[in-house]
Amino acid sequence: MTADRPLLGILLMIGFCAVAPMGDSIAKLLGETVPLIQLLAVRFAAQVVFLFPIIWWSGTRLAMSPRAMRLTVLRTILQIIGIGAMFLSLRYLPLADAVAIAFVMPFIMLALGKFFLGEAVGPRRLTACTVGFAGTLLVVQPSFATVGAPAFLPLLVAVTFAAYMLVTRQIAREADPLALQAVSGLFATVGLAVLLLANVGLDLPALKLVRPDLREALLLIGAGFLGTFAHLLMTWSLRFAPSTTVAPIQYLEIPFATAIGWLVFRDLPNGLAAIGIAITMAAGLYIVFRERAQSKPLPAQV
C-alpha cells in the first residue's frame, strides 16, 4: 500500500489539469490537416510506446481474467469514441467551451448511478445535477448558434466517458492502472491500424492516411506524449491522495483550457458561455463536496 501524501496528490492532479488541455490544443492544431482516425492511431500508439517500457521496468503483470479482458475491450472502444469525439469537436469549438461542456460527465455518472445501478443519491445532488446541466446548455447555446450540431459533440464525450468510468469501476480492483492503460492502448492501436489498412482499397476520406511534414510529425508525437502523460499524472495522483481530495482540483482544467485556448488560438468564451462555465463548475464542486460529506464516517456515540 502507498502511504497517503495529499500535497503530492494535489500537485499531480494540477499537473494533469495543465497537461491535458495542451494535448487537446495540439489535436485542434492538427485537426485541419490530419484525418481523425490517423490522429487517434498515433495517439494510442504513443500510449503503447511510452507505457510498455514503464510496465517492463516496474515488473507490472499484464495478465487479466477473461471477464476483465472483455471489459477492457469494451473500455477501449468507449475510450476511442470519447477521445475521437473530443478531437472532432475541437475542429469546431473553442478549447475552453469543449472542455467545459464535457464536464457534464459527473452529472451523467450520478444520474446513471441512481437510475441504473440503484445508488443512493439525495435530492440536493439531483438538484445540483439539474443546475449543472442548465449551465452546460448555456455553454452549448452560443456554440450551437455558430457551428450547429457539432456543438453537441462534447456531450457525446461526456456520455461516453461516464460509461467508460463505470466500466473501469468494474475492473479497478482486478487490474493495475498502468497495465490497464497499456493494454487498452495496444487494443486501440491494433484496431485502428486494421481500419486504416482496410481502407487501402476503399479510399474513404475519413480513413485515409496522409504523410505529415516535420512540423505535423512533431505535433503528432507531442499529442501522443501529452495525452499519455496526463493520464499517468491522474493515475499517480490517486495513488497518493483519495479521490475526494483530488476531485475538486480537476475543475482547474477549465481555467487552464481557457488560458491555453487564448494563448494559442485567441479564443475566449463569450459572456453567456462564461456564465454557463461558472454555473457548471459551481454545481460540480457542490456535488464533489457533498459526496465527501456523505462518505465521512459518523462520529462515535458516547
C-alpha atoms as a PDB file:
ATOM      1  CA  MET A   1       0.000   0.000   0.000  1.00  0.00           C
ATOM      2  CA  THR A   2       1.254   3.501  -0.884  1.00  0.00           C
ATOM      3  CA  ALA A   3       1.109   5.951   2.043  1.00  0.00           C
ATOM      4  CA  ASP A   4      -1.182   8.944   1.550  1.00  0.00           C
ATOM      5  CA  ARG A   5       0.680  12.113   0.590  1.00  0.00           C
ATOM      6  CA  PRO A   6      -2.169  14.582  -0.091  1.00  0.00           C
ATOM      7  CA  LEU A   7       0.011  17.513  -1.172  1.00  0.00           C
ATOM      8  CA  LEU A   8       1.803  15.380  -3.774  1.00  0.00           C
ATOM      9  CA  GLY A   9      -1.541  14.012  -4.997  1.00  0.00           C
ATOM     10  CA  ILE A  10      -2.913  17.551  -5.378  1.00  0.00           C
ATOM     11  CA  LEU A  11       0.200  18.729  -7.254  1.00  0.00           C
ATOM     12  CA  LEU A  12      -0.026  15.749  -9.625  1.00  0.00           C
ATOM     13  CA  MET A  13      -3.706  16.492 -10.324  1.00  0.00           C
ATOM     14  CA  ILE A  14      -2.852  20.146 -11.008  1.00  0.00           C
ATOM     15  CA  GLY A  15      -0.253  18.815 -13.456  1.00  0.00           C
ATOM     16  CA  PHE A  16      -2.967  16.769 -15.162  1.00  0.00           C
ATOM     17  CA  CYS A  17      -5.203  19.851 -15.433  1.00  0.00           C
ATOM     18  CA  ALA A  18      -2.389  21.766 -17.151  1.00  0.00           C
ATOM     19  CA  VAL A  19      -1.125  18.982 -19.430  1.00  0.00           C
ATOM     20  CA  ALA A  20      -4.437  17.566 -20.713  1.00  0.00           C
ATOM     21  CA  PRO A  21      -5.559  20.815 -22.444  1.00  0.00           C
ATOM     22  CA  MET A  22      -2.090  21.103 -24.008  1.00  0.00           C
ATOM     23  CA  GLY A  23      -2.635  17.740 -25.713  1.00  0.00           C
ATOM     24  CA  ASP A  24      -6.121  18.817 -26.783  1.00  0.00           C
ATOM     25  CA  SER A  25      -4.761  22.074 -28.214  1.00  0.00           C
ATOM     26  CA  ILE A  26      -2.297  20.121 -30.374  1.00  0.00           C
ATOM     27  CA  ALA A  27      -5.147  17.911 -31.588  1.00  0.00           C
ATOM     28  CA  LYS A  28      -7.025  21.100 -32.504  1.00  0.00           C
ATOM     29  CA  LEU A  29      -3.989  22.390 -34.441  1.00  0.00           C
ATOM     30  CA  LEU A  30      -3.747  19.096 -36.362  1.00  0.00           C
ATOM     31  CA  GLY A  31      -7.484  18.766 -36.965  1.00  0.00           C
ATOM     32  CA  GLU A  32      -7.467  20.534 -40.328  1.00  0.00           C
ATOM     33  CA  THR A  33      -4.611  18.559 -41.898  1.00  0.00           C
ATOM     34  CA  VAL A  34      -4.516  15.090 -40.294  1.00  0.00           C
ATOM     35  CA  PRO A  35      -7.528  12.730 -40.647  1.00  0.00           C
ATOM     36  CA  LEU A  36      -9.206  11.806 -37.369  1.00  0.00           C
ATOM     37  CA  ILE A  37      -8.504   8.040 -37.433  1.00  0.00           C
ATOM     38  CA  GLN A  38      -4.825   8.605 -38.190  1.00  0.00           C
ATOM     39  CA  LEU A  39      -4.628  11.123 -35.350  1.00  0.00           C
ATOM     40  CA  LEU A  40      -6.238   8.614 -32.976  1.00  0.00           C
ATOM     41  CA  ALA A  41      -3.973   5.788 -34.146  1.00  0.00           C
ATOM     42  CA  VAL A  42      -0.849   7.838 -33.426  1.00  0.00           C
ATOM     43  CA  ARG A  43      -2.288   8.948 -30.062  1.00  0.00           C
ATOM     44  CA  PHE A  44      -2.800   5.347 -28.893  1.00  0.00           C
ATOM     45  CA  ALA A  45       0.418   4.059 -30.475  1.00  0.00           C
ATOM     46  CA  ALA A  46       2.293   6.668 -28.428  1.00  0.00           C
ATOM     47  CA  GLN A  47       0.488   5.370 -25.345  1.00  0.00           C
ATOM     48  CA  VAL A  48       1.874   1.898 -26.062  1.00  0.00           C
ATOM     49  CA  VAL A  49       5.394   3.175 -26.769  1.00  0.00           C
ATOM     50  CA  PHE A  50       5.522   5.234 -23.581  1.00  0.00           C
ATOM     51  CA  LEU A  51       3.791   2.829 -21.197  1.00  0.00           C
ATOM     52  CA  PHE A  52       5.228  -0.588 -22.042  1.00  0.00           C
ATOM     53  CA  PRO A  53       8.800   0.343 -21.012  1.00  0.00           C
ATOM     54  CA  ILE A  54       7.377   1.537 -17.669  1.00  0.00           C
ATOM     55  CA  ILE A  55       5.463  -1.735 -17.344  1.00  0.00           C
ATOM     56  CA  TRP A  56       8.631  -3.729 -18.084  1.00  0.00           C
ATOM     57  CA  TRP A  57      10.777  -1.631 -15.711  1.00  0.00           C
ATOM     58  CA  SER A  58       8.275  -1.860 -12.840  1.00  0.00           C
ATOM     59  CA  GLY A  59       7.573  -5.563 -13.330  1.00  0.00           C
ATOM     60  CA  THR A  60       3.823  -4.976 -13.537  1.00  0.00           C
ATOM     61  CA  ARG A  61       1.842  -8.030 -14.637  1.00  0.00           C
ATOM     62  CA  LEU A  62      -0.401  -7.683 -17.688  1.00  0.00           C
ATOM     63  CA  ALA A  63      -2.395 -10.889 -17.125  1.00  0.00           C
ATOM     64  CA  MET A  64      -6.164 -10.427 -16.673  1.00  0.00           C
ATOM     65  CA  SER A  65      -9.120 -12.695 -16.077  1.00  0.00           C
ATOM     66  CA  PRO A  66     -11.357 -13.408 -19.109  1.00  0.00           C
ATOM     67  CA  ARG A  67     -14.041 -11.160 -17.587  1.00  0.00           C
ATOM     68  CA  ALA A  68     -11.586  -8.300 -17.063  1.00  0.00           C
ATOM     69  CA  MET A  69     -10.275  -8.738 -20.604  1.00  0.00           C
ATOM     70  CA  ARG A  70     -13.784  -8.477 -22.084  1.00  0.00           C
ATOM     71  CA  LEU A  71     -14.478  -5.356 -20.052  1.00  0.00           C
ATOM     72  CA  THR A  72     -11.114  -3.914 -21.130  1.00  0.00           C
ATOM     73  CA  VAL A  73     -12.126  -4.343 -24.780  1.00  0.00           C
ATOM     74  CA  LEU A  74     -15.401  -2.501 -24.077  1.00  0.00           C
ATOM     75  CA  ARG A  75     -13.487   0.163 -22.126  1.00  0.00           C
ATOM     76  CA  THR A  76     -11.096   0.613 -25.070  1.00  0.00           C
ATOM     77  CA  ILE A  77     -13.951   1.091 -27.539  1.00  0.00           C
ATOM     78  CA  LEU A  78     -15.512   3.703 -25.267  1.00  0.00           C
ATOM     79  CA  GLN A  79     -12.144   5.456 -24.901  1.00  0.00           C
ATOM     80  CA  ILE A  80     -11.662   5.589 -28.689  1.00  0.00           C
ATOM     81  CA  ILE A  81     -15.155   7.046 -29.174  1.00  0.00           C
ATOM     82  CA  GLY A  82     -14.689   9.563 -26.355  1.00  0.00           C
ATOM     83  CA  ILE A  83     -11.274  10.832 -27.447  1.00  0.00           C
ATOM     84  CA  GLY A  84     -12.361  10.787 -31.089  1.00  0.00           C
ATOM     85  CA  ALA A  85     -15.453  12.870 -30.323  1.00  0.00           C
ATOM     86  CA  MET A  86     -13.318  15.319 -28.326  1.00  0.00           C
ATOM     87  CA  PHE A  87     -10.760  15.699 -31.121  1.00  0.00           C
ATOM     88  CA  LEU A  88     -13.568  16.147 -33.656  1.00  0.00           C
ATOM     89  CA  SER A  89     -15.335  18.742 -31.505  1.00  0.00           C
ATOM     90  CA  LEU A  90     -12.137  20.792 -31.322  1.00  0.00           C
ATOM     91  CA  ARG A  91     -12.315  21.335 -35.084  1.00  0.00           C
ATOM     92  CA  TYR A  92     -15.454  23.412 -34.493  1.00  0.00           C
ATOM     93  CA  LEU A  93     -15.383  24.735 -30.913  1.00  0.00           C
ATOM     94  CA  PRO A  94     -13.058  26.841 -28.782  1.00  0.00           C
ATOM     95  CA  LEU A  95     -10.950  24.694 -26.457  1.00  0.00           C
ATOM     96  CA  ALA A  96     -12.466  26.078 -23.234  1.00  0.00           C
ATOM     97  CA  ASP A  97     -16.046  25.586 -24.460  1.00  0.00           C
ATOM     98  CA  ALA A  98     -15.422  21.965 -25.483  1.00  0.00           C
ATOM     99  CA  VAL A  99     -13.742  21.115 -22.158  1.00  0.00           C
ATOM    100  CA  ALA A 100     -16.458  22.869 -20.135  1.00  0.00           C
ATOM    101  CA  ILE A 101     -19.290  21.079 -21.966  1.00  0.00           C
ATOM    102  CA  ALA A 102     -17.560  17.725 -21.421  1.00  0.00           C
ATOM    103  CA  PHE A 103     -17.545  18.446 -17.668  1.00  0.00           C
ATOM    104  CA  VAL A 104     -21.220  17.490 -17.628  1.00  0.00           C
ATOM    105  CA  MET A 105     -19.839  13.945 -17.161  1.00  0.00           C
ATOM    106  CA  PRO A 106     -20.050  13.922 -13.313  1.00  0.00           C
ATOM    107  CA  PHE A 107     -23.745  14.762 -13.529  1.00  0.00           C
ATOM    108  CA  ILE A 108     -24.334  11.974 -16.040  1.00  0.00           C
ATOM    109  CA  MET A 109     -22.444   9.500 -13.834  1.00  0.00           C
ATOM    110  CA  LEU A 110     -24.555  10.481 -10.837  1.00  0.00           C
ATOM    111  CA  ALA A 111     -27.767  10.019 -12.846  1.00  0.00           C
ATOM    112  CA  LEU A 112     -26.602   6.660 -14.216  1.00  0.00           C
ATOM    113  CA  GLY A 113     -25.646   5.538 -10.725  1.00  0.00           C
ATOM    114  CA  LYS A 114     -29.091   6.366  -9.385  1.00  0.00           C
ATOM    115  CA  PHE A 115     -31.324   5.106 -12.177  1.00  0.00           C
ATOM    116  CA  PHE A 116     -29.321   2.092 -13.450  1.00  0.00           C
ATOM    117  CA  LEU A 117     -27.152   0.967 -10.529  1.00  0.00           C
ATOM    118  CA  GLY A 118     -29.541   1.825  -7.715  1.00  0.00           C
ATOM    119  CA  GLU A 119     -27.038   4.038  -5.899  1.00  0.00           C
ATOM    120  CA  ALA A 120     -28.390   6.362  -3.220  1.00  0.00           C
ATOM    121  CA  VAL A 121     -28.470   9.947  -4.481  1.00  0.00           C
ATOM    122  CA  GLY A 122     -30.199  12.602  -2.397  1.00  0.00           C
ATOM    123  CA  PRO A 123     -32.399  15.456  -3.664  1.00  0.00           C
ATOM    124  CA  ARG A 124     -29.632  18.044  -3.145  1.00  0.00           C
ATOM    125  CA  ARG A 125     -27.245  16.304  -5.514  1.00  0.00           C
ATOM    126  CA  LEU A 126     -30.025  15.691  -8.052  1.00  0.00           C
ATOM    127  CA  THR A 127     -30.825  19.411  -7.902  1.00  0.00           C
ATOM    128  CA  ALA A 128     -27.126  20.195  -8.419  1.00  0.00           C
ATOM    129  CA  CYS A 129     -27.179  17.882 -11.463  1.00  0.00           C
ATOM    130  CA  THR A 130     -30.115  19.811 -12.928  1.00  0.00           C
ATOM    131  CA  VAL A 131     -28.357  23.137 -12.320  1.00  0.00           C
ATOM    132  CA  GLY A 132     -25.139  21.747 -13.835  1.00  0.00           C
ATOM    133  CA  PHE A 133     -26.982  20.594 -16.962  1.00  0.00           C
ATOM    134  CA  ALA A 134     -28.526  24.059 -17.274  1.00  0.00           C
ATOM    135  CA  GLY A 135     -25.079  25.643 -17.021  1.00  0.00           C
ATOM    136  CA  THR A 136     -23.773  23.303 -19.696  1.00  0.00           C
ATOM    137  CA  LEU A 137     -26.632  24.281 -22.026  1.00  0.00           C
ATOM    138  CA  LEU A 138     -25.628  27.928 -21.601  1.00  0.00           C
ATOM    139  CA  VAL A 139     -22.184  26.963 -22.925  1.00  0.00           C
ATOM    140  CA  VAL A 140     -23.693  24.914 -25.769  1.00  0.00           C
ATOM    141  CA  GLN A 141     -26.144  27.605 -26.906  1.00  0.00           C
ATOM    142  CA  PRO A 142     -23.737  30.164 -28.429  1.00  0.00           C
ATOM    143  CA  SER A 143     -21.628  27.374 -29.930  1.00  0.00           C
ATOM    144  CA  PHE A 144     -24.746  25.782 -31.471  1.00  0.00           C
ATOM    145  CA  ALA A 145     -25.739  29.134 -32.957  1.00  0.00           C
ATOM    146  CA  THR A 146     -22.303  29.351 -34.602  1.00  0.00           C
ATOM    147  CA  VAL A 147     -21.452  25.785 -35.701  1.00  0.00           C
ATOM    148  CA  GLY A 148     -24.704  23.820 -35.371  1.00  0.00           C
ATOM    149  CA  ALA A 149     -24.849  20.124 -34.409  1.00  0.00           C
ATOM    150  CA  PRO A 150     -21.066  19.719 -33.746  1.00  0.00           C
ATOM    151  CA  ALA A 151     -21.640  21.787 -30.584  1.00  0.00           C
ATOM    152  CA  PHE A 152     -23.162  18.635 -29.073  1.00  0.00           C
ATOM    153  CA  LEU A 153     -20.043  16.516 -29.649  1.00  0.00           C
ATOM    154  CA  PRO A 154     -18.637  17.246 -26.156  1.00  0.00           C
ATOM    155  CA  LEU A 155     -21.906  15.893 -24.741  1.00  0.00           C
ATOM    156  CA  LEU A 156     -21.114  12.624 -26.549  1.00  0.00           C
ATOM    157  CA  VAL A 157     -17.679  12.805 -24.925  1.00  0.00           C
ATOM    158  CA  ALA A 158     -19.324  13.176 -21.516  1.00  0.00           C
ATOM    159  CA  VAL A 159     -21.769  10.288 -22.020  1.00  0.00           C
ATOM    160  CA  THR A 160     -19.052   8.013 -23.403  1.00  0.00           C
ATOM    161  CA  PHE A 161     -16.583   8.740 -20.619  1.00  0.00           C
ATOM    162  CA  ALA A 162     -19.305   8.327 -17.981  1.00  0.00           C
ATOM    163  CA  ALA A 163     -19.846   4.793 -19.327  1.00  0.00           C
ATOM    164  CA  TYR A 164     -16.035   4.395 -19.540  1.00  0.00           C
ATOM    165  CA  MET A 165     -15.687   5.263 -15.852  1.00  0.00           C
ATOM    166  CA  LEU A 166     -18.472   2.868 -14.859  1.00  0.00           C
ATOM    167  CA  VAL A 167     -16.756   0.043 -16.761  1.00  0.00           C
ATOM    168  CA  THR A 168     -13.426   0.996 -15.194  1.00  0.00           C
ATOM    169  CA  ARG A 169     -15.017   0.699 -11.744  1.00  0.00           C
ATOM    170  CA  GLN A 170     -15.915  -2.897 -12.548  1.00  0.00           C
ATOM    171  CA  ILE A 171     -12.290  -3.911 -13.142  1.00  0.00           C
ATOM    172  CA  ALA A 172     -10.400  -1.419 -10.962  1.00  0.00           C
ATOM    173  CA  ARG A 173      -9.741  -3.985  -8.230  1.00  0.00           C
ATOM    174  CA  GLU A 174      -8.576  -6.657 -10.669  1.00  0.00           C
ATOM    175  CA  ALA A 175      -6.150  -4.750 -12.894  1.00  0.00           C
ATOM    176  CA  ASP A 176      -3.221  -2.431 -12.248  1.00  0.00           C
ATOM    177  CA  PRO A 177      -3.999   1.062 -13.661  1.00  0.00           C
ATOM    178  CA  LEU A 178      -0.786   1.193 -15.701  1.00  0.00           C
ATOM    179  CA  ALA A 179      -1.379  -2.278 -17.119  1.00  0.00           C
ATOM    180  CA  LEU A 180      -4.969  -1.338 -17.950  1.00  0.00           C
ATOM    181  CA  GLN A 181      -3.866   1.771 -19.845  1.00  0.00           C
ATOM    182  CA  ALA A 182      -1.113  -0.134 -21.673  1.00  0.00           C
ATOM    183  CA  VAL A 183      -3.395  -2.986 -22.745  1.00  0.00           C
ATOM    184  CA  SER A 184      -6.121  -0.530 -23.788  1.00  0.00           C
ATOM    185  CA  GLY A 185      -3.568   1.374 -25.851  1.00  0.00           C
ATOM    186  CA  LEU A 186      -2.442  -1.844 -27.540  1.00  0.00           C
ATOM    187  CA  PHE A 187      -6.005  -2.909 -28.360  1.00  0.00           C
ATOM    188  CA  ALA A 188      -6.850   0.547 -29.712  1.00  0.00           C
ATOM    189  CA  THR A 189      -3.689   0.745 -31.819  1.00  0.00           C
ATOM    190  CA  VAL A 190      -4.305  -2.658 -33.404  1.00  0.00           C
ATOM    191  CA  GLY A 191      -7.990  -1.932 -34.049  1.00  0.00           C
ATOM    192  CA  LEU A 192      -7.342   1.474 -35.605  1.00  0.00           C
ATOM    193  CA  ALA A 193      -4.446   0.109 -37.689  1.00  0.00           C
ATOM    194  CA  VAL A 194      -6.777  -2.567 -39.093  1.00  0.00           C
ATOM    195  CA  LEU A 195      -9.272   0.160 -40.026  1.00  0.00           C
ATOM    196  CA  LEU A 196      -6.596   2.186 -41.789  1.00  0.00           C
ATOM    197  CA  LEU A 197      -5.274  -0.862 -43.682  1.00  0.00           C
ATOM    198  CA  ALA A 198      -8.798  -1.924 -44.686  1.00  0.00           C
ATOM    199  CA  ASN A 199      -9.252   1.474 -46.322  1.00  0.00           C
ATOM    200  CA  VAL A 200      -6.433   0.880 -48.822  1.00  0.00           C
ATOM    201  CA  GLY A 201      -8.904  -0.419 -51.410  1.00  0.00           C
ATOM    202  CA  LEU A 202     -11.857   1.738 -50.329  1.00  0.00           C
ATOM    203  CA  ASP A 203     -10.257   5.195 -50.188  1.00  0.00           C
ATOM    204  CA  LEU A 204     -12.716   6.641 -47.671  1.00  0.00           C
ATOM    205  CA  PRO A 205     -11.697  10.227 -46.767  1.00  0.00           C
ATOM    206  CA  ALA A 206     -12.125   9.714 -43.004  1.00  0.00           C
ATOM    207  CA  LEU A 207      -9.817   6.679 -43.077  1.00  0.00           C
ATOM    208  CA  LYS A 208      -7.145   7.868 -45.461  1.00  0.00           C
ATOM    209  CA  LEU A 209      -3.514   8.202 -44.469  1.00  0.00           C
ATOM    210  CA  VAL A 210      -1.540  11.382 -45.073  1.00  0.00           C
ATOM    211  CA  ARG A 211       2.212  11.851 -44.904  1.00  0.00           C
ATOM    212  CA  PRO A 212       2.818  14.511 -42.252  1.00  0.00           C
ATOM    213  CA  ASP A 213       5.519  17.095 -42.705  1.00  0.00           C
ATOM    214  CA  LEU A 214       8.127  17.570 -39.988  1.00  0.00           C
ATOM    215  CA  ARG A 215       6.014  20.044 -38.025  1.00  0.00           C
ATOM    216  CA  GLU A 216       2.961  17.772 -38.120  1.00  0.00           C
ATOM    217  CA  ALA A 217       5.036  14.721 -37.175  1.00  0.00           C
ATOM    218  CA  LEU A 218       6.438  16.509 -34.135  1.00  0.00           C
ATOM    219  CA  LEU A 219       2.961  17.686 -33.142  1.00  0.00           C
ATOM    220  CA  LEU A 220       1.591  14.142 -33.511  1.00  0.00           C
ATOM    221  CA  ILE A 221       4.308  12.795 -31.223  1.00  0.00           C
ATOM    222  CA  GLY A 222       3.652  15.639 -28.792  1.00  0.00           C
ATOM    223  CA  ALA A 223      -0.093  14.949 -28.721  1.00  0.00           C
ATOM    224  CA  GLY A 224       0.527  11.275 -28.003  1.00  0.00           C
ATOM    225  CA  PHE A 225       3.049  12.018 -25.268  1.00  0.00           C
ATOM    226  CA  LEU A 226       0.939  14.714 -23.573  1.00  0.00           C
ATOM    227  CA  GLY A 227      -2.235  12.607 -23.665  1.00  0.00           C
ATOM    228  CA  THR A 228      -0.450   9.627 -22.125  1.00  0.00           C
ATOM    229  CA  PHE A 229       1.434  11.737 -19.581  1.00  0.00           C
ATOM    230  CA  ALA A 230      -1.781  13.474 -18.497  1.00  0.00           C
ATOM    231  CA  HIS A 231      -3.469  10.162 -17.719  1.00  0.00           C
ATOM    232  CA  LEU A 232      -0.371   8.984 -15.862  1.00  0.00           C
ATOM    233  CA  LEU A 233      -0.457  12.132 -13.722  1.00  0.00           C
ATOM    234  CA  MET A 234      -4.109  11.478 -12.872  1.00  0.00           C
ATOM    235  CA  THR A 235      -3.371   7.817 -12.057  1.00  0.00           C
ATOM    236  CA  TRP A 236      -0.435   8.765  -9.849  1.00  0.00           C
ATOM    237  CA  SER A 237      -2.439  11.471  -8.077  1.00  0.00           C
ATOM    238  CA  LEU A 238      -4.968   8.855  -6.985  1.00  0.00           C
ATOM    239  CA  ARG A 239      -2.143   6.688  -5.638  1.00  0.00           C
ATOM    240  CA  PHE A 240      -1.082   9.402  -3.192  1.00  0.00           C
ATOM    241  CA  ALA A 241      -4.414  11.001  -2.266  1.00  0.00           C
ATOM    242  CA  PRO A 242      -8.041   9.811  -2.054  1.00  0.00           C
ATOM    243  CA  SER A 243     -10.393  10.757  -4.877  1.00  0.00           C
ATOM    244  CA  THR A 244     -12.378  13.019  -2.508  1.00  0.00           C
ATOM    245  CA  THR A 245      -9.228  15.125  -2.064  1.00  0.00           C
ATOM    246  CA  VAL A 246      -8.211  15.478  -5.716  1.00  0.00           C
ATOM    247  CA  ALA A 247     -11.634  15.526  -7.437  1.00  0.00           C
ATOM    248  CA  PRO A 248     -12.245  19.266  -6.795  1.00  0.00           C
ATOM    249  CA  ILE A 249      -8.802  20.055  -8.241  1.00  0.00           C
ATOM    250  CA  GLN A 250      -9.830  18.560 -11.595  1.00  0.00           C
ATOM    251  CA  TYR A 251     -12.093  21.557 -12.240  1.00  0.00           C
ATOM    252  CA  LEU A 252      -8.928  23.633 -12.685  1.00  0.00           C
ATOM    253  CA  GLU A 253      -8.775  22.041 -16.147  1.00  0.00           C
ATOM    254  CA  ILE A 254     -11.408  24.544 -17.309  1.00  0.00           C
ATOM    255  CA  PRO A 255      -9.411  27.725 -16.478  1.00  0.00           C
ATOM    256  CA  PHE A 256      -6.247  26.066 -17.798  1.00  0.00           C
ATOM    257  CA  ALA A 257      -8.090  25.257 -21.053  1.00  0.00           C
ATOM    258  CA  THR A 258      -9.350  28.855 -21.202  1.00  0.00           C
ATOM    259  CA  ALA A 259      -5.817  30.232 -20.796  1.00  0.00           C
ATOM    260  CA  ILE A 260      -4.295  27.831 -23.352  1.00  0.00           C
ATOM    261  CA  GLY A 261      -7.146  28.499 -25.794  1.00  0.00           C
ATOM    262  CA  TRP A 262      -6.469  32.223 -25.571  1.00  0.00           C
ATOM    263  CA  LEU A 263      -2.686  31.880 -25.844  1.00  0.00           C
ATOM    264  CA  VAL A 264      -2.767  29.523 -28.846  1.00  0.00           C
ATOM    265  CA  PHE A 265      -5.986  30.405 -30.686  1.00  0.00           C
ATOM    266  CA  ARG A 266      -7.006  33.771 -29.187  1.00  0.00           C
ATOM    267  CA  ASP A 267     -10.344  32.158 -28.228  1.00  0.00           C
ATOM    268  CA  LEU A 268     -12.282  33.201 -25.132  1.00  0.00           C
ATOM    269  CA  PRO A 269     -15.799  32.117 -24.058  1.00  0.00           C
ATOM    270  CA  ASN A 270     -18.415  34.809 -24.677  1.00  0.00           C
ATOM    271  CA  GLY A 271     -20.488  36.248 -21.825  1.00  0.00           C
ATOM    272  CA  LEU A 272     -23.242  33.615 -21.883  1.00  0.00           C
ATOM    273  CA  ALA A 273     -20.766  30.734 -22.141  1.00  0.00           C
ATOM    274  CA  ALA A 274     -18.676  32.203 -19.299  1.00  0.00           C
ATOM    275  CA  ILE A 275     -21.760  32.298 -17.059  1.00  0.00           C
ATOM    276  CA  GLY A 276     -22.542  28.696 -18.044  1.00  0.00           C
ATOM    277  CA  ILE A 277     -18.978  27.600 -17.237  1.00  0.00           C
ATOM    278  CA  ALA A 278     -19.203  29.239 -13.800  1.00  0.00           C
ATOM    279  CA  ILE A 279     -22.545  27.511 -13.083  1.00  0.00           C
ATOM    280  CA  THR A 280     -21.221  24.136 -14.258  1.00  0.00           C
ATOM    281  CA  MET A 281     -18.113  24.435 -12.091  1.00  0.00           C
ATOM    282  CA  ALA A 282     -20.125  25.509  -9.039  1.00  0.00           C
ATOM    283  CA  ALA A 283     -22.614  22.631  -9.409  1.00  0.00           C
ATOM    284  CA  GLY A 284     -19.849  20.105  -9.997  1.00  0.00           C
ATOM    285  CA  LEU A 285     -17.870  21.290  -6.980  1.00  0.00           C
ATOM    286  CA  TYR A 286     -21.010  21.167  -4.834  1.00  0.00           C
ATOM    287  CA  ILE A 287     -21.529  17.519  -5.817  1.00  0.00           C
ATOM    288  CA  VAL A 288     -17.874  16.697  -5.075  1.00  0.00           C
ATOM    289  CA  PHE A 289     -18.020  18.256  -1.610  1.00  0.00           C
ATOM    290  CA  ARG A 290     -21.429  16.699  -0.940  1.00  0.00           C
ATOM    291  CA  GLU A 291     -20.006  13.287  -1.853  1.00  0.00           C
ATOM    292  CA  ARG A 292     -17.136  13.922   0.560  1.00  0.00           C
ATOM    293  CA  ALA A 293     -19.563  14.836   3.367  1.00  0.00           C
ATOM    294  CA  GLN A 294     -21.686  11.749   2.681  1.00  0.00           C
ATOM    295  CA  SER A 295     -18.638   9.475   2.774  1.00  0.00           C
ATOM    296  CA  LYS A 296     -17.392  10.708   6.157  1.00  0.00           C
ATOM    297  CA  PRO A 297     -17.994   8.232   8.983  1.00  0.00           C
ATOM    298  CA  LEU A 298     -20.449   9.276  11.661  1.00  0.00           C
ATOM    299  CA  PRO A 299     -18.883  10.301  14.985  1.00  0.00           C
ATOM    300  CA  ALA A 300     -18.791   7.600  17.606  1.00  0.00           C
ATOM    301  CA  GLN A 301     -21.609   7.734  20.112  1.00  0.00           C
ATOM    302  CA  VAL A 302     -20.537   8.181  23.731  1.00  0.00           C
END
